[in-house]
PDB file of N, CA and C in Angstrom:
ATOM      1  N   UNK A   1     109.640  86.435  83.281  1.00  0.00           N
ATOM      2  CA  UNK A   1     109.308  88.205  83.169  1.00  0.00           C
ATOM      3  C   UNK A   1     108.800  88.573  84.815  1.00  0.00           C
ATOM      4  N   UNK A   2     107.597  87.699  84.942  1.00  0.00           N
ATOM      5  CA  UNK A   2     106.663  88.010  86.373  1.00  0.00           C
ATOM      6  C   UNK A   2     107.113  87.615  87.316  1.00  0.00           C
ATOM      7  N   UNK A   3     108.015  86.641  86.897  1.00  0.00           N
ATOM      8  CA  UNK A   3     108.416  85.331  88.256  1.00  0.00           C
ATOM      9  C   UNK A   3     108.678  86.177  89.788  1.00  0.00           C
ATOM     10  N   UNK A   4     108.628  87.283  89.745  1.00  0.00           N
ATOM     11  CA  UNK A   4     108.573  88.437  91.841  1.00  0.00           C
ATOM     12  C   UNK A   4     107.160  89.573  91.337  1.00  0.00           C
ATOM     13  N   UNK A   5     106.167  88.655  90.369  1.00  0.00           N
ATOM     14  CA  UNK A   5     105.062  89.911  90.090  1.00  0.00           C
ATOM     15  C   UNK A   5     103.872  88.999  91.029  1.00  0.00           C
ATOM     16  N   UNK A   6     102.922  90.270  91.592  1.00  0.00           N
ATOM     17  CA  UNK A   6     101.983  89.768  92.083  1.00  0.00           C
ATOM     18  C   UNK A   6     101.022  88.381  91.803  1.00  0.00           C
ATOM     19  N   UNK A   7     100.020  87.850  92.770  1.00  0.00           N
ATOM     20  CA  UNK A   7      99.399  86.893  91.804  1.00  0.00           C
ATOM     21  C   UNK A   7      98.794  88.160  90.840  1.00  0.00           C
ATOM     22  N   UNK A   8      98.463  89.161  91.274  1.00  0.00           N
ATOM     23  CA  UNK A   8      96.671  89.864  89.922  1.00  0.00           C
ATOM     24  C   UNK A   8      97.760  89.881  88.152  1.00  0.00           C
ATOM     25  N   UNK A   9      99.297  90.507  88.710  1.00  0.00           N
ATOM     26  CA  UNK A   9      99.889  90.885  87.775  1.00  0.00           C
ATOM     27  C   UNK A   9      99.871  89.457  86.902  1.00  0.00           C
ATOM     28  N   UNK A  10     100.685  88.589  87.794  1.00  0.00           N
ATOM     29  CA  UNK A  10     100.465  87.492  86.988  1.00  0.00           C
ATOM     30  C   UNK A  10      99.144  86.068  86.379  1.00  0.00           C
ATOM     31  N   UNK A  11      98.116  86.818  87.283  1.00  0.00           N
ATOM     32  CA  UNK A  11      96.983  86.489  86.645  1.00  0.00           C
ATOM     33  C   UNK A  11      95.889  87.754  85.166  1.00  0.00           C
ATOM     34  N   UNK A  12      97.140  88.879  84.875  1.00  0.00           N
ATOM     35  CA  UNK A  12      96.529  89.341  83.532  1.00  0.00           C
ATOM     36  C   UNK A  12      97.326  88.766  82.828  1.00  0.00           C
ATOM     37  N   UNK A  13      98.693  88.746  83.118  1.00  0.00           N
ATOM     38  CA  UNK A  13      99.752  88.492  81.995  1.00  0.00           C
ATOM     39  C   UNK A  13      99.437  87.501  81.423  1.00  0.00           C
ATOM     40  N   UNK A  14      98.400  86.380  82.026  1.00  0.00           N
ATOM     41  CA  UNK A  14      97.893  84.779  81.625  1.00  0.00           C
ATOM     42  C   UNK A  14      96.768  84.793  80.667  1.00  0.00           C
ATOM     43  N   UNK A  15      96.452  86.339  81.059  1.00  0.00           N
ATOM     44  CA  UNK A  15      95.392  86.583  80.475  1.00  0.00           C
ATOM     45  C   UNK A  15      95.457  86.965  78.451  1.00  0.00           C
ATOM     46  N   UNK A  16      96.498  87.714  79.257  1.00  0.00           N
ATOM     47  CA  UNK A  16      97.624  88.223  78.083  1.00  0.00           C
ATOM     48  C   UNK A  16      97.552  87.459  77.154  1.00  0.00           C
ATOM     49  N   UNK A  17      98.695  86.437  77.297  1.00  0.00           N
ATOM     50  CA  UNK A  17      99.163  85.129  76.995  1.00  0.00           C
ATOM     51  C   UNK A  17      97.789  84.114  76.366  1.00  0.00           C
ATOM     52  N   UNK A  18      96.763  83.734  77.161  1.00  0.00           N
ATOM     53  CA  UNK A  18      95.756  83.566  75.849  1.00  0.00           C
ATOM     54  C   UNK A  18      95.195  84.051  75.374  1.00  0.00           C
ATOM     55  N   UNK A  19      95.455  84.944  74.919  1.00  0.00           N
ATOM     56  CA  UNK A  19      94.642  85.830  73.442  1.00  0.00           C
ATOM     57  C   UNK A  19      95.302  86.037  72.848  1.00  0.00           C
ATOM     58  N   UNK A  20      97.050  86.735  73.104  1.00  0.00           N
ATOM     59  CA  UNK A  20      98.023  86.492  71.883  1.00  0.00           C
ATOM     60  C   UNK A  20      98.331  85.091  71.559  1.00  0.00           C
ATOM     61  N   UNK A  21      97.889  83.850  72.198  1.00  0.00           N
ATOM     62  CA  UNK A  21      98.381  82.692  71.251  1.00  0.00           C
ATOM     63  C   UNK A  21      96.657  81.910  70.684  1.00  0.00           C
ATOM     64  N   UNK A  22      95.855  83.161  70.537  1.00  0.00           N
ATOM     65  CA  UNK A  22      94.784  82.560  69.397  1.00  0.00           C
ATOM     66  C   UNK A  22      94.690  83.957  68.737  1.00  0.00           C
ATOM     67  N   UNK A  23      95.484  85.207  68.330  1.00  0.00           N
ATOM     68  CA  UNK A  23      94.757  86.801  67.687  1.00  0.00           C
ATOM     69  C   UNK A  23      95.928  86.024  66.565  1.00  0.00           C
ATOM     70  N   UNK A  24      95.619  86.844  65.722  1.00  0.00           N
ATOM     71  CA  UNK A  24      95.933  87.062  64.400  1.00  0.00           C
ATOM     72  C   UNK A  24      97.576  87.747  64.807  1.00  0.00           C
ATOM     73  N   UNK A  25      98.047  87.826  63.567  1.00  0.00           N
ATOM     74  CA  UNK A  25      99.110  88.839  63.333  1.00  0.00           C
ATOM     75  C   UNK A  25      99.241  90.368  63.159  1.00  0.00           C
ATOM     76  N   UNK A  26      97.691  90.513  63.384  1.00  0.00           N
ATOM     77  CA  UNK A  26      97.337  92.078  63.721  1.00  0.00           C
ATOM     78  C   UNK A  26      97.550  91.892  65.501  1.00  0.00           C
ATOM     79  N   UNK A  27      97.103  91.336  66.367  1.00  0.00           N
ATOM     80  CA  UNK A  27      96.731  90.977  67.478  1.00  0.00           C
ATOM     81  C   UNK A  27      95.381  91.164  67.392  1.00  0.00           C
ATOM     82  N   UNK A  28      94.554  90.430  67.100  1.00  0.00           N
ATOM     83  CA  UNK A  28      93.280  90.980  66.986  1.00  0.00           C
ATOM     84  C   UNK A  28      92.324  89.230  67.144  1.00  0.00           C
ATOM     85  N   UNK A  29      91.353  89.489  67.229  1.00  0.00           N
ATOM     86  CA  UNK A  29      90.503  88.226  67.291  1.00  0.00           C
ATOM     87  C   UNK A  29      89.343  88.869  66.399  1.00  0.00           C
ATOM     88  N   UNK A  30      88.831  87.599  65.951  1.00  0.00           N
ATOM     89  CA  UNK A  30      87.379  87.956  65.128  1.00  0.00           C
ATOM     90  C   UNK A  30      86.184  88.156  66.279  1.00  0.00           C
ATOM     91  N   UNK A  31      84.935  88.774  65.898  1.00  0.00           N
ATOM     92  CA  UNK A  31      84.107  88.513  66.915  1.00  0.00           C
ATOM     93  C   UNK A  31      83.379  86.392  67.819  1.00  0.00           C
ATOM     94  N   UNK A  32      83.988  86.004  66.785  1.00  0.00           N
ATOM     95  CA  UNK A  32      83.588  84.493  66.453  1.00  0.00           C
ATOM     96  C   UNK A  32      84.580  84.001  67.640  1.00  0.00           C
ATOM     97  N   UNK A  33      85.536  84.708  67.142  1.00  0.00           N
ATOM     98  CA  UNK A  33      87.156  83.731  67.851  1.00  0.00           C
ATOM     99  C   UNK A  33      86.921  83.905  69.120  1.00  0.00           C
ATOM    100  N   UNK A  34      86.455  85.073  69.689  1.00  0.00           N
ATOM    101  CA  UNK A  34      86.681  85.869  70.855  1.00  0.00           C
ATOM    102  C   UNK A  34      85.288  85.265  71.758  1.00  0.00           C
ATOM    103  N   UNK A  35      84.187  85.079  70.916  1.00  0.00           N
ATOM    104  CA  UNK A  35      83.009  84.188  71.705  1.00  0.00           C
ATOM    105  C   UNK A  35      83.703  82.923  71.930  1.00  0.00           C
ATOM    106  N   UNK A  36      84.528  82.014  70.549  1.00  0.00           N
ATOM    107  CA  UNK A  36      84.607  81.040  71.492  1.00  0.00           C
ATOM    108  C   UNK A  36      85.762  81.171  72.418  1.00  0.00           C
ATOM    109  N   UNK A  37      86.674  81.483  72.426  1.00  0.00           N
ATOM    110  CA  UNK A  37      87.610  82.105  73.471  1.00  0.00           C
ATOM    111  C   UNK A  37      87.338  81.999  75.176  1.00  0.00           C
ATOM    112  N   UNK A  38      86.472  82.987  75.399  1.00  0.00           N
ATOM    113  CA  UNK A  38      86.153  82.681  76.148  1.00  0.00           C
ATOM    114  C   UNK A  38      85.319  82.099  76.731  1.00  0.00           C
ATOM    115  N   UNK A  39      83.952  81.506  75.710  1.00  0.00           N
ATOM    116  CA  UNK A  39      83.233  80.322  76.380  1.00  0.00           C
ATOM    117  C   UNK A  39      84.518  79.110  76.516  1.00  0.00           C
ATOM    118  N   UNK A  40      85.683  78.892  75.865  1.00  0.00           N
ATOM    119  CA  UNK A  40      86.254  77.546  76.191  1.00  0.00           C
ATOM    120  C   UNK A  40      87.160  78.239  77.752  1.00  0.00           C
ATOM    121  N   UNK A  41      87.716  79.098  77.142  1.00  0.00           N
ATOM    122  CA  UNK A  41      89.068  79.539  78.437  1.00  0.00           C
ATOM    123  C   UNK A  41      88.363  80.045  79.848  1.00  0.00           C
ATOM    124  N   UNK A  42      87.081  80.450  79.435  1.00  0.00           N
ATOM    125  CA  UNK A  42      86.710  81.534  80.895  1.00  0.00           C
ATOM    126  C   UNK A  42      84.979  80.927  81.389  1.00  0.00           C
ATOM    127  N   UNK A  43      84.836  79.529  80.596  1.00  0.00           N
ATOM    128  CA  UNK A  43      83.784  78.899  81.031  1.00  0.00           C
ATOM    129  C   UNK A  43      82.957  79.472  82.549  1.00  0.00           C
ATOM    130  N   UNK A  44      83.492  78.765  83.325  1.00  0.00           N
ATOM    131  CA  UNK A  44      83.576  79.189  84.802  1.00  0.00           C
ATOM    132  C   UNK A  44      82.530  80.462  84.945  1.00  0.00           C
ATOM    133  N   UNK A  45      83.618  81.212  84.509  1.00  0.00           N
ATOM    134  CA  UNK A  45      83.087  82.537  85.359  1.00  0.00           C
ATOM    135  C   UNK A  45      81.420  82.628  84.456  1.00  0.00           C
ATOM    136  N   UNK A  46      81.856  82.219  82.934  1.00  0.00           N
ATOM    137  CA  UNK A  46      80.249  83.079  82.189  1.00  0.00           C
ATOM    138  C   UNK A  46      79.256  81.707  82.467  1.00  0.00           C
ATOM    139  N   UNK A  47      79.798  80.450  82.948  1.00  0.00           N
ATOM    140  CA  UNK A  47      78.729  79.268  83.638  1.00  0.00           C
ATOM    141  C   UNK A  47      77.632  80.209  84.220  1.00  0.00           C
ATOM    142  N   UNK A  48      76.136  79.533  84.325  1.00  0.00           N
ATOM    143  CA  UNK A  48      74.722  79.732  84.399  1.00  0.00           C
ATOM    144  C   UNK A  48      74.490  80.918  84.069  1.00  0.00           C
ATOM    145  N   UNK A  49      75.011  81.767  83.036  1.00  0.00           N
ATOM    146  CA  UNK A  49      74.834  83.759  83.349  1.00  0.00           C
ATOM    147  C   UNK A  49      73.607  83.401  81.596  1.00  0.00           C
ATOM    148  N   UNK A  50      73.468  82.444  81.482  1.00  0.00           N
ATOM    149  CA  UNK A  50      72.965  82.590  80.282  1.00  0.00           C
ATOM    150  C   UNK A  50      71.873  83.478  80.309  1.00  0.00           C
ATOM    151  N   UNK A  51      70.895  83.243  81.679  1.00  0.00           N
ATOM    152  CA  UNK A  51      69.108  84.148  81.532  1.00  0.00           C
ATOM    153  C   UNK A  51      69.568  86.030  82.069  1.00  0.00           C
ATOM    154  N   UNK A  52      70.925  86.089  81.696  1.00  0.00           N
ATOM    155  CA  UNK A  52      71.266  87.543  82.394  1.00  0.00           C
ATOM    156  C   UNK A  52      70.785  88.367  81.314  1.00  0.00           C
ATOM    157  N   UNK A  53      70.641  89.719  81.388  1.00  0.00           N
ATOM    158  CA  UNK A  53      70.272  90.692  80.559  1.00  0.00           C
ATOM    159  C   UNK A  53      71.549  91.444  79.656  1.00  0.00           C
ATOM    160  N   UNK A  54      72.520  91.442  80.323  1.00  0.00           N
ATOM    161  CA  UNK A  54      74.240  92.564  80.394  1.00  0.00           C
ATOM    162  C   UNK A  54      74.547  90.906  79.205  1.00  0.00           C
ATOM    163  N   UNK A  55      74.503  89.442  79.848  1.00  0.00           N
ATOM    164  CA  UNK A  55      75.158  88.657  79.523  1.00  0.00           C
ATOM    165  C   UNK A  55      75.009  88.314  77.973  1.00  0.00           C
ATOM    166  N   UNK A  56      73.340  88.253  77.865  1.00  0.00           N
ATOM    167  CA  UNK A  56      73.098  87.895  76.538  1.00  0.00           C
ATOM    168  C   UNK A  56      73.146  89.107  75.447  1.00  0.00           C
ATOM    169  N   UNK A  57      73.680  90.534  76.001  1.00  0.00           N
ATOM    170  CA  UNK A  57      73.692  91.352  75.286  1.00  0.00           C
ATOM    171  C   UNK A  57      75.420  91.271  74.575  1.00  0.00           C
ATOM    172  N   UNK A  58      75.823  91.059  75.680  1.00  0.00           N
ATOM    173  CA  UNK A  58      77.658  90.953  75.016  1.00  0.00           C
ATOM    174  C   UNK A  58      77.696  89.807  74.073  1.00  0.00           C
ATOM    175  N   UNK A  59      76.760  88.382  74.469  1.00  0.00           N
ATOM    176  CA  UNK A  59      77.435  87.223  73.501  1.00  0.00           C
ATOM    177  C   UNK A  59      76.448  87.974  72.753  1.00  0.00           C
ATOM    178  N   UNK A  60      75.489  88.591  71.995  1.00  0.00           N
ATOM    179  CA  UNK A  60      74.405  88.850  70.873  1.00  0.00           C
ATOM    180  C   UNK A  60      75.447  89.794  69.919  1.00  0.00           C
ATOM    181  N   UNK A  61      76.772  91.071  70.541  1.00  0.00           N
ATOM    182  CA  UNK A  61      77.077  91.783  70.009  1.00  0.00           C
ATOM    183  C   UNK A  61      78.655  91.251  69.610  1.00  0.00           C
ATOM    184  N   UNK A  62      78.508  89.978  69.991  1.00  0.00           N
ATOM    185  CA  UNK A  62      79.855  88.454  69.795  1.00  0.00           C
ATOM    186  C   UNK A  62      78.778  88.279  67.902  1.00  0.00           C
ATOM    187  N   UNK A  63      77.665  87.733  68.031  1.00  0.00           N
ATOM    188  CA  UNK A  63      77.333  87.180  67.258  1.00  0.00           C
ATOM    189  C   UNK A  63      77.198  87.828  65.861  1.00  0.00           C
ATOM    190  N   UNK A  64      76.704  89.136  66.272  1.00  0.00           N
ATOM    191  CA  UNK A  64      76.849  90.651  65.083  1.00  0.00           C
ATOM    192  C   UNK A  64      77.859  90.639  64.299  1.00  0.00           C
ATOM    193  N   UNK A  65      77.540  90.476  63.320  1.00  0.00           N
ATOM    194  CA  UNK A  65      79.273  90.493  62.247  1.00  0.00           C
ATOM    195  C   UNK A  65      80.577  90.032  62.384  1.00  0.00           C
ATOM    196  N   UNK A  66      80.530  88.309  63.316  1.00  0.00           N
ATOM    197  CA  UNK A  66      81.344  87.797  63.628  1.00  0.00           C
ATOM    198  C   UNK A  66      82.654  87.879  62.792  1.00  0.00           C
ATOM    199  N   UNK A  67      82.863  88.585  61.942  1.00  0.00           N
ATOM    200  CA  UNK A  67      84.164  88.477  61.067  1.00  0.00           C
ATOM    201  C   UNK A  67      84.187  89.838  61.891  1.00  0.00           C
ATOM    202  N   UNK A  68      84.088  90.704  62.086  1.00  0.00           N
ATOM    203  CA  UNK A  68      84.836  91.729  62.237  1.00  0.00           C
ATOM    204  C   UNK A  68      85.523  91.371  63.657  1.00  0.00           C
ATOM    205  N   UNK A  69      87.030  92.239  63.987  1.00  0.00           N
ATOM    206  CA  UNK A  69      87.817  91.791  64.820  1.00  0.00           C
ATOM    207  C   UNK A  69      88.029  92.675  66.149  1.00  0.00           C
ATOM    208  N   UNK A  70      88.514  92.271  66.593  1.00  0.00           N
ATOM    209  CA  UNK A  70      88.367  92.967  68.438  1.00  0.00           C
ATOM    210  C   UNK A  70      89.999  93.035  68.646  1.00  0.00           C
ATOM    211  N   UNK A  71      90.476  94.051  69.844  1.00  0.00           N
ATOM    212  CA  UNK A  71      91.698  94.585  70.003  1.00  0.00           C
ATOM    213  C   UNK A  71      91.834  93.673  71.233  1.00  0.00           C
ATOM    214  N   UNK A  72      93.057  93.707  71.876  1.00  0.00           N
ATOM    215  CA  UNK A  72      93.303  93.331  73.184  1.00  0.00           C
ATOM    216  C   UNK A  72      92.151  94.397  74.626  1.00  0.00           C
ATOM    217  N   UNK A  73      92.626  94.999  74.269  1.00  0.00           N
ATOM    218  CA  UNK A  73      91.744  95.779  75.142  1.00  0.00           C
ATOM    219  C   UNK A  73      90.294  95.771  75.313  1.00  0.00           C
ATOM    220  N   UNK A  74      89.725  95.287  74.096  1.00  0.00           N
ATOM    221  CA  UNK A  74      88.237  95.020  73.714  1.00  0.00           C
ATOM    222  C   UNK A  74      87.732  93.903  74.332  1.00  0.00           C
ATOM    223  N   UNK A  75      88.652  93.077  74.173  1.00  0.00           N
ATOM    224  CA  UNK A  75      88.634  92.120  74.754  1.00  0.00           C
ATOM    225  C   UNK A  75      88.761  91.762  76.207  1.00  0.00           C
ATOM    226  N   UNK A  76      89.535  92.331  76.951  1.00  0.00           N
ATOM    227  CA  UNK A  76      89.915  92.879  78.539  1.00  0.00           C
ATOM    228  C   UNK A  76      88.419  92.759  78.760  1.00  0.00           C
ATOM    229  N   UNK A  77      88.167  94.319  78.358  1.00  0.00           N
ATOM    230  CA  UNK A  77      86.798  94.939  78.965  1.00  0.00           C
ATOM    231  C   UNK A  77      85.780  93.778  78.803  1.00  0.00           C
ATOM    232  N   UNK A  78      85.602  92.868  77.607  1.00  0.00           N
ATOM    233  CA  UNK A  78      84.560  91.989  77.792  1.00  0.00           C
ATOM    234  C   UNK A  78      85.247  90.787  79.048  1.00  0.00           C
ATOM    235  N   UNK A  79      85.753  90.684  78.884  1.00  0.00           N
ATOM    236  CA  UNK A  79      86.124  89.748  80.291  1.00  0.00           C
ATOM    237  C   UNK A  79      86.190  90.012  81.722  1.00  0.00           C
ATOM    238  N   UNK A  80      86.501  91.436  81.904  1.00  0.00           N
ATOM    239  CA  UNK A  80      86.260  91.995  83.053  1.00  0.00           C
ATOM    240  C   UNK A  80      84.758  92.093  83.306  1.00  0.00           C
ATOM    241  N   UNK A  81      83.916  92.137  82.473  1.00  0.00           N
ATOM    242  CA  UNK A  81      82.755  92.834  82.475  1.00  0.00           C
ATOM    243  C   UNK A  81      81.476  91.406  82.976  1.00  0.00           C
ATOM    244  N   UNK A  82      82.027  90.592  82.105  1.00  0.00           N
ATOM    245  CA  UNK A  82      81.612  88.788  82.241  1.00  0.00           C
ATOM    246  C   UNK A  82      81.939  88.229  83.720  1.00  0.00           C
ATOM    247  N   UNK A  83      83.128  88.468  84.429  1.00  0.00           N
ATOM    248  CA  UNK A  83      83.544  88.408  85.822  1.00  0.00           C
ATOM    249  C   UNK A  83      82.884  89.048  86.770  1.00  0.00           C
ATOM    250  N   UNK A  84      82.748  90.240  86.345  1.00  0.00           N
ATOM    251  CA  UNK A  84      82.138  90.971  87.661  1.00  0.00           C
ATOM    252  C   UNK A  84      80.398  90.587  87.610  1.00  0.00           C
ATOM    253  N   UNK A  85      79.672  89.807  86.564  1.00  0.00           N
ATOM    254  CA  UNK A  85      78.416  89.545  86.402  1.00  0.00           C
ATOM    255  C   UNK A  85      78.534  88.421  86.536  1.00  0.00           C
ATOM    256  N   UNK A  86      79.202  87.792  87.090  1.00  0.00           N
ATOM    257  CA  UNK A  86      79.512  86.513  87.067  1.00  0.00           C
ATOM    258  C   UNK A  86      78.991  85.951  88.648  1.00  0.00           C
ATOM    259  N   UNK A  87      77.892  84.491  88.567  1.00  0.00           N
ATOM    260  CA  UNK A  87      77.671  83.713  90.402  1.00  0.00           C
ATOM    261  C   UNK A  87      79.090  83.284  90.564  1.00  0.00           C
ATOM    262  N   UNK A  88      80.192  82.724  90.008  1.00  0.00           N
ATOM    263  CA  UNK A  88      81.712  82.592  90.478  1.00  0.00           C
ATOM    264  C   UNK A  88      82.324  83.578  91.305  1.00  0.00           C
ATOM    265  N   UNK A  89      82.186  84.477  90.835  1.00  0.00           N
ATOM    266  CA  UNK A  89      82.505  86.036  91.872  1.00  0.00           C
ATOM    267  C   UNK A  89      82.143  86.410  93.167  1.00  0.00           C
ATOM    268  N   UNK A  90      80.639  85.722  93.155  1.00  0.00           N
ATOM    269  CA  UNK A  90      80.277  85.950  94.070  1.00  0.00           C
ATOM    270  C   UNK A  90      80.318  84.794  95.435  1.00  0.00           C
ATOM    271  N   UNK A  91      80.783  83.683  94.786  1.00  0.00           N
ATOM    272  CA  UNK A  91      81.368  82.472  95.475  1.00  0.00           C
ATOM    273  C   UNK A  91      83.127  82.508  96.004  1.00  0.00           C
ATOM    274  N   UNK A  92      83.739  83.074  95.248  1.00  0.00           N
ATOM    275  CA  UNK A  92      84.651  83.671  95.038  1.00  0.00           C
ATOM    276  C   UNK A  92      85.114  85.144  96.134  1.00  0.00           C
ATOM    277  N   UNK A  93      83.979  85.408  96.373  1.00  0.00           N
ATOM    278  CA  UNK A  93      83.881  86.394  97.245  1.00  0.00           C
ATOM    279  C   UNK A  93      83.601  85.915  99.112  1.00  0.00           C
ATOM    280  N   UNK A  94      83.356  85.100  98.972  1.00  0.00           N
ATOM    281  CA  UNK A  94      82.813  84.035 100.083  1.00  0.00           C
ATOM    282  C   UNK A  94      83.697  83.399 100.741  1.00  0.00           C
ATOM    283  N   UNK A  95      85.347  83.192 100.485  1.00  0.00           N
ATOM    284  CA  UNK A  95      85.766  82.364 100.726  1.00  0.00           C
ATOM    285  C   UNK A  95      86.960  83.557 101.449  1.00  0.00           C
ATOM    286  N   UNK A  96      86.898  82.469 102.846  1.00  0.00           N
ATOM    287  CA  UNK A  96      88.072  83.374 103.492  1.00  0.00           C
ATOM    288  C   UNK A  96      89.520  82.793 103.119  1.00  0.00           C
ATOM    289  N   UNK A  97      90.460  84.477 103.300  1.00  0.00           N
ATOM    290  CA  UNK A  97      91.329  83.869 102.653  1.00  0.00           C
ATOM    291  C   UNK A  97      91.992  83.608 103.846  1.00  0.00           C
ATOM    292  N   UNK A  98      93.571  82.514 103.579  1.00  0.00           N
ATOM    293  CA  UNK A  98      94.071  81.861 104.117  1.00  0.00           C
ATOM    294  C   UNK A  98      95.037  82.622 104.861  1.00  0.00           C
ATOM    295  N   UNK A  99      95.644  83.844 104.163  1.00  0.00           N
ATOM    296  CA  UNK A  99      96.913  84.418 103.763  1.00  0.00           C
ATOM    297  C   UNK A  99      96.822  85.591 105.099  1.00  0.00           C
TER     298      UNK A  99
END
């Protein structure tokens, strides 16, 4: 469906596919599953963030009432938040584009 899509569209489609492959029939994930998914599939963005207060706040919110479920929109907000604070993002910004 995204054969002619931009790289950004493909990246978001990939995140949606990953989410959907883990989600329940109601298209939701428990907070515990969300934490596990973020750590396993987006671990490079999360690596080294453990001491940052905002990171700790996000992860601790997933530990509270871990059986509660979140939807795709909330998952994407978490993913974007973790990406924005990631040290890896700064490394990516420092790479010069060859296009």
